[in-house]
């Protein structure tokens, strides 16, 4: 992917995060973790502009990151750290014309979490971060040997607890729901929503299964030599990566050919240059 397209997608991701903040987080005081969540709490106690708080906090954390983590680990946080608060400020006017006050809080948390999660996933997918507490999480991992997932729980957990003091327990619960949705959706965005499946197959009808996959779907098979852990029997394991849209038909087709076939099916998050030789002949 060329650099222009990559930066364009990252900018779209940051814009989605800014829109989610202005439409679904700030108006309802959903402090869904991170510096953005902290800015909502600061605004409550000190009437401090959220976008300005995010900008100052991000730049402070960037300086700390340069000192503690070094230039290499910091460079990819600069773009998001600068653009996110700018986009939040530029899009803040949209909440004047578009409001969701009539929606239930649970729907606000879900919709806002989905939009923010997609944006965050697009930013992460191309090697960038949105700055803020991502830097704190990295410092905790590198300097204090705290695993990243635990560091995220600690930092975001403290922010959510602060939101309970500022806005009450019910709002804290909705903020927590939004955090969970953001985490789930961002991971799915990074991993491309499970577009492919991988079949691992033991079968006695090798040629028929291979012909079925090749002639009907233009899929190839990779063959592995295996030994049974208990039986010590040597067998061939056949692997095939397929599109999700063909998953059910292929599974049923293999079992029709060989009802005794042993099949394991897993998700494959990305597939490149698969079955090129077969499809070039068709």
C-alpha atoms as a PDB file:
ATOM      1  CA  UNK A   1       0.000   0.000   0.000  1.00  0.00           C
ATOM      2  CA  UNK A   2       1.411   3.418  -0.953  1.00  0.00           C
ATOM      3  CA  UNK A   3       2.050   6.032   1.727  1.00  0.00           C
ATOM      4  CA  UNK A   4      -0.631   8.456   0.523  1.00  0.00           C
ATOM      5  CA  UNK A   5      -3.373   5.819   0.826  1.00  0.00           C
ATOM      6  CA  UNK A   6      -2.061   4.708   4.227  1.00  0.00           C
ATOM      7  CA  UNK A   7      -2.055   8.235   5.644  1.00  0.00           C
ATOM      8  CA  UNK A   8      -5.495   8.896   4.140  1.00  0.00           C
ATOM      9  CA  UNK A   9      -6.958   5.851   5.915  1.00  0.00           C
ATOM     10  CA  UNK A  10      -5.286   6.843   9.208  1.00  0.00           C
ATOM     11  CA  UNK A  11      -6.752  10.356   8.897  1.00  0.00           C
ATOM     12  CA  UNK A  12     -10.209   8.850   8.269  1.00  0.00           C
ATOM     13  CA  UNK A  13      -9.746   6.759  11.403  1.00  0.00           C
ATOM     14  CA  UNK A  14      -8.860   9.830  13.478  1.00  0.00           C
ATOM     15  CA  UNK A  15     -11.877  11.677  12.087  1.00  0.00           C
ATOM     16  CA  UNK A  16     -14.175   8.818  13.107  1.00  0.00           C
ATOM     17  CA  UNK A  17     -12.713   8.928  16.614  1.00  0.00           C
ATOM     18  CA  UNK A  18     -13.294  12.693  16.790  1.00  0.00           C
ATOM     19  CA  UNK A  19     -16.896  12.343  15.598  1.00  0.00           C
ATOM     20  CA  UNK A  20     -17.590   9.606  18.145  1.00  0.00           C
ATOM     21  CA  UNK A  21     -16.160  11.809  20.879  1.00  0.00           C
ATOM     22  CA  UNK A  22     -18.270  14.840  19.951  1.00  0.00           C
ATOM     23  CA  UNK A  23     -21.520  12.988  19.243  1.00  0.00           C
ATOM     24  CA  UNK A  24     -21.545  10.098  21.696  1.00  0.00           C
ATOM     25  CA  UNK A  25     -18.957  10.593  24.451  1.00  0.00           C
ATOM     26  CA  UNK A  26     -18.722  14.248  25.451  1.00  0.00           C
ATOM     27  CA  UNK A  27     -22.489  15.051  25.339  1.00  0.00           C
ATOM     28  CA  UNK A  28     -23.281  12.094  27.644  1.00  0.00           C
ATOM     29  CA  UNK A  29     -20.132  12.262  29.819  1.00  0.00           C
ATOM     30  CA  UNK A  30     -19.029   8.796  28.724  1.00  0.00           C
ATOM     31  CA  UNK A  31     -15.371   8.854  29.804  1.00  0.00           C
ATOM     32  CA  UNK A  32     -14.410   5.753  27.826  1.00  0.00           C
ATOM     33  CA  UNK A  33     -10.792   5.569  28.911  1.00  0.00           C
ATOM     34  CA  UNK A  34      -7.732   7.261  27.503  1.00  0.00           C
ATOM     35  CA  UNK A  35      -6.849  10.947  27.442  1.00  0.00           C
ATOM     36  CA  UNK A  36     -10.186  11.681  25.722  1.00  0.00           C
ATOM     37  CA  UNK A  37     -12.042  10.214  28.701  1.00  0.00           C
ATOM     38  CA  UNK A  38      -9.831  12.117  31.111  1.00  0.00           C
ATOM     39  CA  UNK A  39     -10.573  15.355  29.248  1.00  0.00           C
ATOM     40  CA  UNK A  40     -14.316  14.907  29.909  1.00  0.00           C
ATOM     41  CA  UNK A  41     -13.634  14.482  33.639  1.00  0.00           C
ATOM     42  CA  UNK A  42     -11.352  17.554  33.705  1.00  0.00           C
ATOM     43  CA  UNK A  43     -14.015  19.592  31.947  1.00  0.00           C
ATOM     44  CA  UNK A  44     -16.503  18.585  34.638  1.00  0.00           C
ATOM     45  CA  UNK A  45     -14.278  19.660  37.544  1.00  0.00           C
ATOM     46  CA  UNK A  46     -12.344  22.590  36.024  1.00  0.00           C
ATOM     47  CA  UNK A  47     -14.380  23.642  32.938  1.00  0.00           C
ATOM     48  CA  UNK A  48     -11.243  23.055  30.837  1.00  0.00           C
ATOM     49  CA  UNK A  49     -11.671  22.785  27.050  1.00  0.00           C
ATOM     50  CA  UNK A  50     -11.506  19.095  26.127  1.00  0.00           C
ATOM     51  CA  UNK A  51      -9.613  19.439  22.844  1.00  0.00           C
ATOM     52  CA  UNK A  52      -7.016  21.731  24.439  1.00  0.00           C
ATOM     53  CA  UNK A  53      -6.598  19.313  27.344  1.00  0.00           C
ATOM     54  CA  UNK A  54      -6.076  16.395  24.914  1.00  0.00           C
ATOM     55  CA  UNK A  55      -3.534  18.398  22.900  1.00  0.00           C
ATOM     56  CA  UNK A  56      -1.508  19.458  25.962  1.00  0.00           C
ATOM     57  CA  UNK A  57      -1.635  15.969  27.515  1.00  0.00           C
ATOM     58  CA  UNK A  58      -0.610  14.318  24.234  1.00  0.00           C
ATOM     59  CA  UNK A  59       2.355  16.609  23.638  1.00  0.00           C
ATOM     60  CA  UNK A  60       3.501  16.148  27.246  1.00  0.00           C
ATOM     61  CA  UNK A  61       3.323  12.385  26.851  1.00  0.00           C
ATOM     62  CA  UNK A  62       5.219  12.556  23.549  1.00  0.00           C
ATOM     63  CA  UNK A  63       8.092  14.362  25.300  1.00  0.00           C
ATOM     64  CA  UNK A  64       8.061  11.716  28.040  1.00  0.00           C
ATOM     65  CA  UNK A  65       8.006   8.998  25.375  1.00  0.00           C
ATOM     66  CA  UNK A  66      11.071  10.445  23.619  1.00  0.00           C
ATOM     67  CA  UNK A  67      12.927  10.437  26.934  1.00  0.00           C
ATOM     68  CA  UNK A  68      11.812   7.011  28.193  1.00  0.00           C
ATOM     69  CA  UNK A  69      11.087   4.960  25.051  1.00  0.00           C
ATOM     70  CA  UNK A  70      13.281   6.676  22.477  1.00  0.00           C
ATOM     71  CA  UNK A  71      12.699   8.150  19.020  1.00  0.00           C
ATOM     72  CA  UNK A  72      11.821   4.901  17.221  1.00  0.00           C
ATOM     73  CA  UNK A  73       8.891   4.010  19.474  1.00  0.00           C
ATOM     74  CA  UNK A  74       7.651   7.605  19.609  1.00  0.00           C
ATOM     75  CA  UNK A  75       7.650   8.684  15.977  1.00  0.00           C
ATOM     76  CA  UNK A  76       4.424   6.883  15.031  1.00  0.00           C
ATOM     77  CA  UNK A  77       2.482   8.514  17.879  1.00  0.00           C
ATOM     78  CA  UNK A  78       3.095  12.097  16.710  1.00  0.00           C
ATOM     79  CA  UNK A  79       0.541  12.203  13.866  1.00  0.00           C
ATOM     80  CA  UNK A  80      -2.373  10.944  15.958  1.00  0.00           C
ATOM     81  CA  UNK A  81      -1.380  12.993  18.994  1.00  0.00           C
ATOM     82  CA  UNK A  82      -1.544  16.210  16.994  1.00  0.00           C
ATOM     83  CA  UNK A  83      -4.432  15.524  14.614  1.00  0.00           C
ATOM     84  CA  UNK A  84      -6.926  13.943  17.027  1.00  0.00           C
ATOM     85  CA  UNK A  85      -7.397  17.038  19.261  1.00  0.00           C
ATOM     86  CA  UNK A  86      -7.470  19.250  16.162  1.00  0.00           C
ATOM     87  CA  UNK A  87     -10.199  17.103  14.587  1.00  0.00           C
ATOM     88  CA  UNK A  88     -12.124  17.078  17.882  1.00  0.00           C
ATOM     89  CA  UNK A  89     -12.050  20.876  17.911  1.00  0.00           C
ATOM     90  CA  UNK A  90     -12.987  21.221  14.224  1.00  0.00           C
ATOM     91  CA  UNK A  91     -15.896  18.751  14.451  1.00  0.00           C
ATOM     92  CA  UNK A  92     -17.224  19.950  17.816  1.00  0.00           C
ATOM     93  CA  UNK A  93     -19.754  22.196  16.056  1.00  0.00           C
ATOM     94  CA  UNK A  94     -21.499  19.133  14.589  1.00  0.00           C
ATOM     95  CA  UNK A  95     -23.031  18.299  17.984  1.00  0.00           C
ATOM     96  CA  UNK A  96     -24.979  21.566  17.732  1.00  0.00           C
ATOM     97  CA  UNK A  97     -26.837  20.324  14.652  1.00  0.00           C
ATOM     98  CA  UNK A  98     -26.884  16.570  15.272  1.00  0.00           C
ATOM     99  CA  UNK A  99     -27.899  15.197  18.660  1.00  0.00           C
ATOM    100  CA  UNK A 100     -28.934  11.812  19.992  1.00  0.00           C
ATOM    101  CA  UNK A 101     -30.538  12.863  23.271  1.00  0.00           C
ATOM    102  CA  UNK A 102     -33.651  10.758  22.565  1.00  0.00           C
ATOM    103  CA  UNK A 103     -31.702   7.498  22.310  1.00  0.00           C
ATOM    104  CA  UNK A 104     -31.260   5.123  25.243  1.00  0.00           C
ATOM    105  CA  UNK A 105     -27.851   5.331  26.887  1.00  0.00           C
ATOM    106  CA  UNK A 106     -27.088   1.717  25.987  1.00  0.00           C
ATOM    107  CA  UNK A 107     -27.566   2.525  22.281  1.00  0.00           C
ATOM    108  CA  UNK A 108     -25.357   5.596  22.668  1.00  0.00           C
ATOM    109  CA  UNK A 109     -22.625   3.438  24.193  1.00  0.00           C
ATOM    110  CA  UNK A 110     -22.932   0.808  21.438  1.00  0.00           C
ATOM    111  CA  UNK A 111     -23.034   3.197  18.455  1.00  0.00           C
ATOM    112  CA  UNK A 112     -20.330   5.457  19.847  1.00  0.00           C
ATOM    113  CA  UNK A 113     -18.159   2.464  20.701  1.00  0.00           C
ATOM    114  CA  UNK A 114     -18.500   0.989  17.212  1.00  0.00           C
ATOM    115  CA  UNK A 115     -17.579   4.248  15.458  1.00  0.00           C
ATOM    116  CA  UNK A 116     -14.654   4.969  17.791  1.00  0.00           C
ATOM    117  CA  UNK A 117     -13.499   1.334  17.581  1.00  0.00           C
ATOM    118  CA  UNK A 118     -13.450   1.334  13.778  1.00  0.00           C
ATOM    119  CA  UNK A 119     -11.486   4.587  13.781  1.00  0.00           C
ATOM    120  CA  UNK A 120      -9.003   3.330  16.365  1.00  0.00           C
ATOM    121  CA  UNK A 121      -8.615   0.043  14.495  1.00  0.00           C
ATOM    122  CA  UNK A 122      -7.790   1.872  11.251  1.00  0.00           C
ATOM    123  CA  UNK A 123      -5.146   3.919  13.068  1.00  0.00           C
ATOM    124  CA  UNK A 124      -3.592   0.854  14.733  1.00  0.00           C
ATOM    125  CA  UNK A 125      -3.775  -1.251  11.587  1.00  0.00           C
ATOM    126  CA  UNK A 126      -1.200   0.877   9.772  1.00  0.00           C
ATOM    127  CA  UNK A 127       1.255   1.124  12.634  1.00  0.00           C
ATOM    128  CA  UNK A 128       0.162   4.416  14.196  1.00  0.00           C
ATOM    129  CA  UNK A 129      -1.395   5.243  17.550  1.00  0.00           C
ATOM    130  CA  UNK A 130      -3.622   8.056  18.771  1.00  0.00           C
ATOM    131  CA  UNK A 131      -1.048   8.984  21.412  1.00  0.00           C
ATOM    132  CA  UNK A 132      -2.307   9.689  24.924  1.00  0.00           C
ATOM    133  CA  UNK A 133      -2.457   6.744  27.287  1.00  0.00           C
ATOM    134  CA  UNK A 134      -1.095   4.424  24.585  1.00  0.00           C
ATOM    135  CA  UNK A 135       2.254   5.954  25.540  1.00  0.00           C
ATOM    136  CA  UNK A 136       1.672   5.282  29.246  1.00  0.00           C
ATOM    137  CA  UNK A 137       0.758   1.681  28.439  1.00  0.00           C
ATOM    138  CA  UNK A 138       4.000   1.227  26.470  1.00  0.00           C
ATOM    139  CA  UNK A 139       6.065   2.745  29.290  1.00  0.00           C
ATOM    140  CA  UNK A 140       4.463   0.395  31.818  1.00  0.00           C
ATOM    141  CA  UNK A 141       5.200  -2.558  29.543  1.00  0.00           C
ATOM    142  CA  UNK A 142       8.812  -1.630  28.710  1.00  0.00           C
ATOM    143  CA  UNK A 143       9.989  -0.170  32.016  1.00  0.00           C
ATOM    144  CA  UNK A 144       7.908  -2.034  34.581  1.00  0.00           C
ATOM    145  CA  UNK A 145       7.371  -5.333  32.700  1.00  0.00           C
ATOM    146  CA  UNK A 146       3.591  -5.092  33.013  1.00  0.00           C
ATOM    147  CA  UNK A 147       1.893  -6.898  30.084  1.00  0.00           C
ATOM    148  CA  UNK A 148       0.161  -4.517  27.661  1.00  0.00           C
ATOM    149  CA  UNK A 149      -3.329  -5.904  28.302  1.00  0.00           C
ATOM    150  CA  UNK A 150      -2.908  -5.426  32.068  1.00  0.00           C
ATOM    151  CA  UNK A 151      -1.474  -1.934  31.566  1.00  0.00           C
ATOM    152  CA  UNK A 152      -4.530  -0.955  29.538  1.00  0.00           C
ATOM    153  CA  UNK A 153      -6.856  -2.317  32.235  1.00  0.00           C
ATOM    154  CA  UNK A 154      -4.991  -0.403  34.958  1.00  0.00           C
ATOM    155  CA  UNK A 155      -4.924   2.958  33.143  1.00  0.00           C
ATOM    156  CA  UNK A 156      -8.435   2.840  31.684  1.00  0.00           C
ATOM    157  CA  UNK A 157      -9.781   1.350  34.916  1.00  0.00           C
ATOM    158  CA  UNK A 158      -8.522   4.320  36.914  1.00  0.00           C
ATOM    159  CA  UNK A 159     -10.092   6.735  34.434  1.00  0.00           C
ATOM    160  CA  UNK A 160     -13.427   4.907  34.596  1.00  0.00           C
ATOM    161  CA  UNK A 161     -13.318   5.005  38.413  1.00  0.00           C
ATOM    162  CA  UNK A 162     -12.712   8.756  38.251  1.00  0.00           C
ATOM    163  CA  UNK A 163     -15.750   9.049  35.967  1.00  0.00           C
ATOM    164  CA  UNK A 164     -17.843   7.412  38.710  1.00  0.00           C
ATOM    165  CA  UNK A 165     -16.790  10.189  41.094  1.00  0.00           C
ATOM    166  CA  UNK A 166     -17.575  12.841  38.499  1.00  0.00           C
ATOM    167  CA  UNK A 167     -20.809  11.547  36.969  1.00  0.00           C
ATOM    168  CA  UNK A 168     -22.062   8.670  39.099  1.00  0.00           C
ATOM    169  CA  UNK A 169     -22.147   4.870  38.874  1.00  0.00           C
ATOM    170  CA  UNK A 170     -24.709   4.542  35.999  1.00  0.00           C
ATOM    171  CA  UNK A 171     -22.629   6.713  33.650  1.00  0.00           C
ATOM    172  CA  UNK A 172     -19.503   4.795  34.689  1.00  0.00           C
ATOM    173  CA  UNK A 173     -21.180   1.522  33.692  1.00  0.00           C
ATOM    174  CA  UNK A 174     -22.078   2.871  30.239  1.00  0.00           C
ATOM    175  CA  UNK A 175     -18.517   4.164  29.864  1.00  0.00           C
ATOM    176  CA  UNK A 176     -17.237   0.676  30.668  1.00  0.00           C
ATOM    177  CA  UNK A 177     -19.587  -0.855  28.093  1.00  0.00           C
ATOM    178  CA  UNK A 178     -18.271   1.593  25.506  1.00  0.00           C
ATOM    179  CA  UNK A 179     -14.654   0.659  26.342  1.00  0.00           C
ATOM    180  CA  UNK A 180     -15.413  -3.043  25.835  1.00  0.00           C
ATOM    181  CA  UNK A 181     -17.070  -2.349  22.467  1.00  0.00           C
ATOM    182  CA  UNK A 182     -14.190  -0.113  21.366  1.00  0.00           C
ATOM    183  CA  UNK A 183     -11.678  -2.837  22.214  1.00  0.00           C
ATOM    184  CA  UNK A 184     -13.671  -5.543  20.412  1.00  0.00           C
ATOM    185  CA  UNK A 185     -14.361  -3.505  17.258  1.00  0.00           C
ATOM    186  CA  UNK A 186     -10.830  -2.111  16.971  1.00  0.00           C
ATOM    187  CA  UNK A 187      -9.409  -5.654  17.131  1.00  0.00           C
ATOM    188  CA  UNK A 188     -11.869  -6.826  14.490  1.00  0.00           C
ATOM    189  CA  UNK A 189     -10.951  -3.868  12.263  1.00  0.00           C
ATOM    190  CA  UNK A 190      -7.246  -4.636  12.584  1.00  0.00           C
ATOM    191  CA  UNK A 191      -7.834  -8.315  11.766  1.00  0.00           C
ATOM    192  CA  UNK A 192     -10.145  -7.613   8.806  1.00  0.00           C
ATOM    193  CA  UNK A 193     -13.264  -9.217  10.285  1.00  0.00           C
ATOM    194  CA  UNK A 194     -12.314 -12.865   9.672  1.00  0.00           C
ATOM    195  CA  UNK A 195     -12.648 -12.872   5.892  1.00  0.00           C
ATOM    196  CA  UNK A 196     -11.226 -16.389   5.416  1.00  0.00           C
ATOM    197  CA  UNK A 197     -11.358 -19.870   6.936  1.00  0.00           C
ATOM    198  CA  UNK A 198      -8.659 -22.533   7.081  1.00  0.00           C
ATOM    199  CA  UNK A 199      -9.656 -26.203   6.779  1.00  0.00           C
ATOM    200  CA  UNK A 200      -7.437 -28.934   8.249  1.00  0.00           C
ATOM    201  CA  UNK A 201      -8.611 -32.272   6.887  1.00  0.00           C
ATOM    202  CA  UNK A 202      -7.855 -35.953   7.490  1.00  0.00           C
ATOM    203  CA  UNK A 203      -9.593 -38.072   4.833  1.00  0.00           C
ATOM    204  CA  UNK A 204      -9.278 -41.397   3.050  1.00  0.00           C
ATOM    205  CA  UNK A 205     -10.792 -39.890  -0.104  1.00  0.00           C
ATOM    206  CA  UNK A 206      -7.873 -37.613  -0.900  1.00  0.00           C
ATOM    207  CA  UNK A 207      -8.224 -37.445  -4.673  1.00  0.00           C
ATOM    208  CA  UNK A 208     -11.982 -36.887  -4.593  1.00  0.00           C
ATOM    209  CA  UNK A 209     -11.665 -34.099  -1.998  1.00  0.00           C
ATOM    210  CA  UNK A 210      -8.814 -32.485  -3.899  1.00  0.00           C
ATOM    211  CA  UNK A 211     -10.745 -32.616  -7.181  1.00  0.00           C
ATOM    212  CA  UNK A 212     -13.808 -31.181  -5.433  1.00  0.00           C
ATOM    213  CA  UNK A 213     -11.877 -28.201  -4.065  1.00  0.00           C
ATOM    214  CA  UNK A 214      -9.897 -27.587  -7.248  1.00  0.00           C
ATOM    215  CA  UNK A 215     -12.590 -28.067  -9.880  1.00  0.00           C
ATOM    216  CA  UNK A 216     -15.547 -26.527  -8.060  1.00  0.00           C
ATOM    217  CA  UNK A 217     -13.879 -23.687  -6.123  1.00  0.00           C
ATOM    218  CA  UNK A 218     -10.358 -23.285  -7.588  1.00  0.00           C
ATOM    219  CA  UNK A 219      -8.765 -23.913  -4.177  1.00  0.00           C
ATOM    220  CA  UNK A 220      -5.447 -25.725  -3.742  1.00  0.00           C
ATOM    221  CA  UNK A 221      -4.405 -28.054  -0.918  1.00  0.00           C
ATOM    222  CA  UNK A 222      -1.192 -28.013   1.113  1.00  0.00           C
ATOM    223  CA  UNK A 223      -0.091 -31.422   2.410  1.00  0.00           C
ATOM    224  CA  UNK A 224       1.663 -32.074   5.749  1.00  0.00           C
ATOM    225  CA  UNK A 225       3.184 -35.307   7.061  1.00  0.00           C
ATOM    226  CA  UNK A 226       1.867 -35.987  10.582  1.00  0.00           C
ATOM    227  CA  UNK A 227       2.153 -38.663  13.275  1.00  0.00           C
ATOM    228  CA  UNK A 228      -0.693 -39.471  15.669  1.00  0.00           C
ATOM    229  CA  UNK A 229       0.230 -38.544  19.242  1.00  0.00           C
ATOM    230  CA  UNK A 230      -1.447 -41.646  20.675  1.00  0.00           C
ATOM    231  CA  UNK A 231      -1.639 -44.089  17.771  1.00  0.00           C
ATOM    232  CA  UNK A 232       1.806 -43.157  16.320  1.00  0.00           C
ATOM    233  CA  UNK A 233       0.179 -43.706  12.933  1.00  0.00           C
ATOM    234  CA  UNK A 234       1.610 -41.705  10.034  1.00  0.00           C
ATOM    235  CA  UNK A 235      -0.975 -39.763   8.058  1.00  0.00           C
ATOM    236  CA  UNK A 236      -1.309 -36.883   5.630  1.00  0.00           C
ATOM    237  CA  UNK A 237      -2.939 -33.672   6.855  1.00  0.00           C
ATOM    238  CA  UNK A 238      -4.510 -31.508   4.158  1.00  0.00           C
ATOM    239  CA  UNK A 239      -4.809 -27.755   4.631  1.00  0.00           C
ATOM    240  CA  UNK A 240      -6.921 -25.430   2.508  1.00  0.00           C
ATOM    241  CA  UNK A 241      -7.619 -21.691   2.977  1.00  0.00           C
ATOM    242  CA  UNK A 242     -11.046 -20.669   1.668  1.00  0.00           C
ATOM    243  CA  UNK A 243     -13.304 -17.644   1.514  1.00  0.00           C
ATOM    244  CA  UNK A 244     -15.949 -17.434   4.242  1.00  0.00           C
ATOM    245  CA  UNK A 245     -18.697 -17.382   1.598  1.00  0.00           C
ATOM    246  CA  UNK A 246     -17.646 -20.893   0.503  1.00  0.00           C
ATOM    247  CA  UNK A 247     -17.167 -22.243   4.029  1.00  0.00           C
ATOM    248  CA  UNK A 248     -20.491 -24.042   4.508  1.00  0.00           C
ATOM    249  CA  UNK A 249     -20.643 -25.537   1.011  1.00  0.00           C
ATOM    250  CA  UNK A 250     -17.100 -26.877   1.257  1.00  0.00           C
ATOM    251  CA  UNK A 251     -17.645 -28.369   4.715  1.00  0.00           C
ATOM    252  CA  UNK A 252     -20.814 -30.157   3.608  1.00  0.00           C
ATOM    253  CA  UNK A 253     -19.201 -31.256   0.337  1.00  0.00           C
ATOM    254  CA  UNK A 254     -16.222 -32.868   2.069  1.00  0.00           C
ATOM    255  CA  UNK A 255     -18.465 -34.707   4.529  1.00  0.00           C
ATOM    256  CA  UNK A 256     -20.631 -35.902   1.646  1.00  0.00           C
ATOM    257  CA  UNK A 257     -17.552 -37.326  -0.116  1.00  0.00           C
ATOM    258  CA  UNK A 258     -16.157 -38.841   3.086  1.00  0.00           C
ATOM    259  CA  UNK A 259     -18.583 -38.943   6.050  1.00  0.00           C
ATOM    260  CA  UNK A 260     -15.736 -40.126   8.271  1.00  0.00           C
ATOM    261  CA  UNK A 261     -13.455 -37.200   7.393  1.00  0.00           C
ATOM    262  CA  UNK A 262     -11.955 -35.390  10.388  1.00  0.00           C
ATOM    263  CA  UNK A 263     -12.124 -31.607   9.853  1.00  0.00           C
ATOM    264  CA  UNK A 264     -10.858 -28.684  11.944  1.00  0.00           C
ATOM    265  CA  UNK A 265     -11.861 -25.193  10.796  1.00  0.00           C
ATOM    266  CA  UNK A 266     -10.222 -21.987  12.065  1.00  0.00           C
ATOM    267  CA  UNK A 267     -10.331 -18.294  11.221  1.00  0.00           C
ATOM    268  CA  UNK A 268      -7.695 -16.819   8.929  1.00  0.00           C
ATOM    269  CA  UNK A 269      -7.483 -13.061   9.329  1.00  0.00           C
ATOM    270  CA  UNK A 270      -5.694 -12.345   6.073  1.00  0.00           C
ATOM    271  CA  UNK A 271      -4.945 -14.186   2.840  1.00  0.00           C
ATOM    272  CA  UNK A 272      -2.490 -13.039   0.164  1.00  0.00           C
ATOM    273  CA  UNK A 273      -1.676 -14.561  -3.231  1.00  0.00           C
ATOM    274  CA  UNK A 274      -3.648 -17.750  -2.546  1.00  0.00           C
ATOM    275  CA  UNK A 275      -4.433 -20.209  -5.353  1.00  0.00           C
ATOM    276  CA  UNK A 276      -2.758 -17.971  -7.961  1.00  0.00           C
ATOM    277  CA  UNK A 277      -1.562 -20.835 -10.184  1.00  0.00           C
ATOM    278  CA  UNK A 278      -4.933 -22.605 -10.264  1.00  0.00           C
ATOM    279  CA  UNK A 279      -6.903 -19.462 -11.067  1.00  0.00           C
ATOM    280  CA  UNK A 280      -4.450 -18.387 -13.755  1.00  0.00           C
ATOM    281  CA  UNK A 281      -5.341 -21.544 -15.694  1.00  0.00           C
ATOM    282  CA  UNK A 282      -9.112 -21.015 -15.496  1.00  0.00           C
END
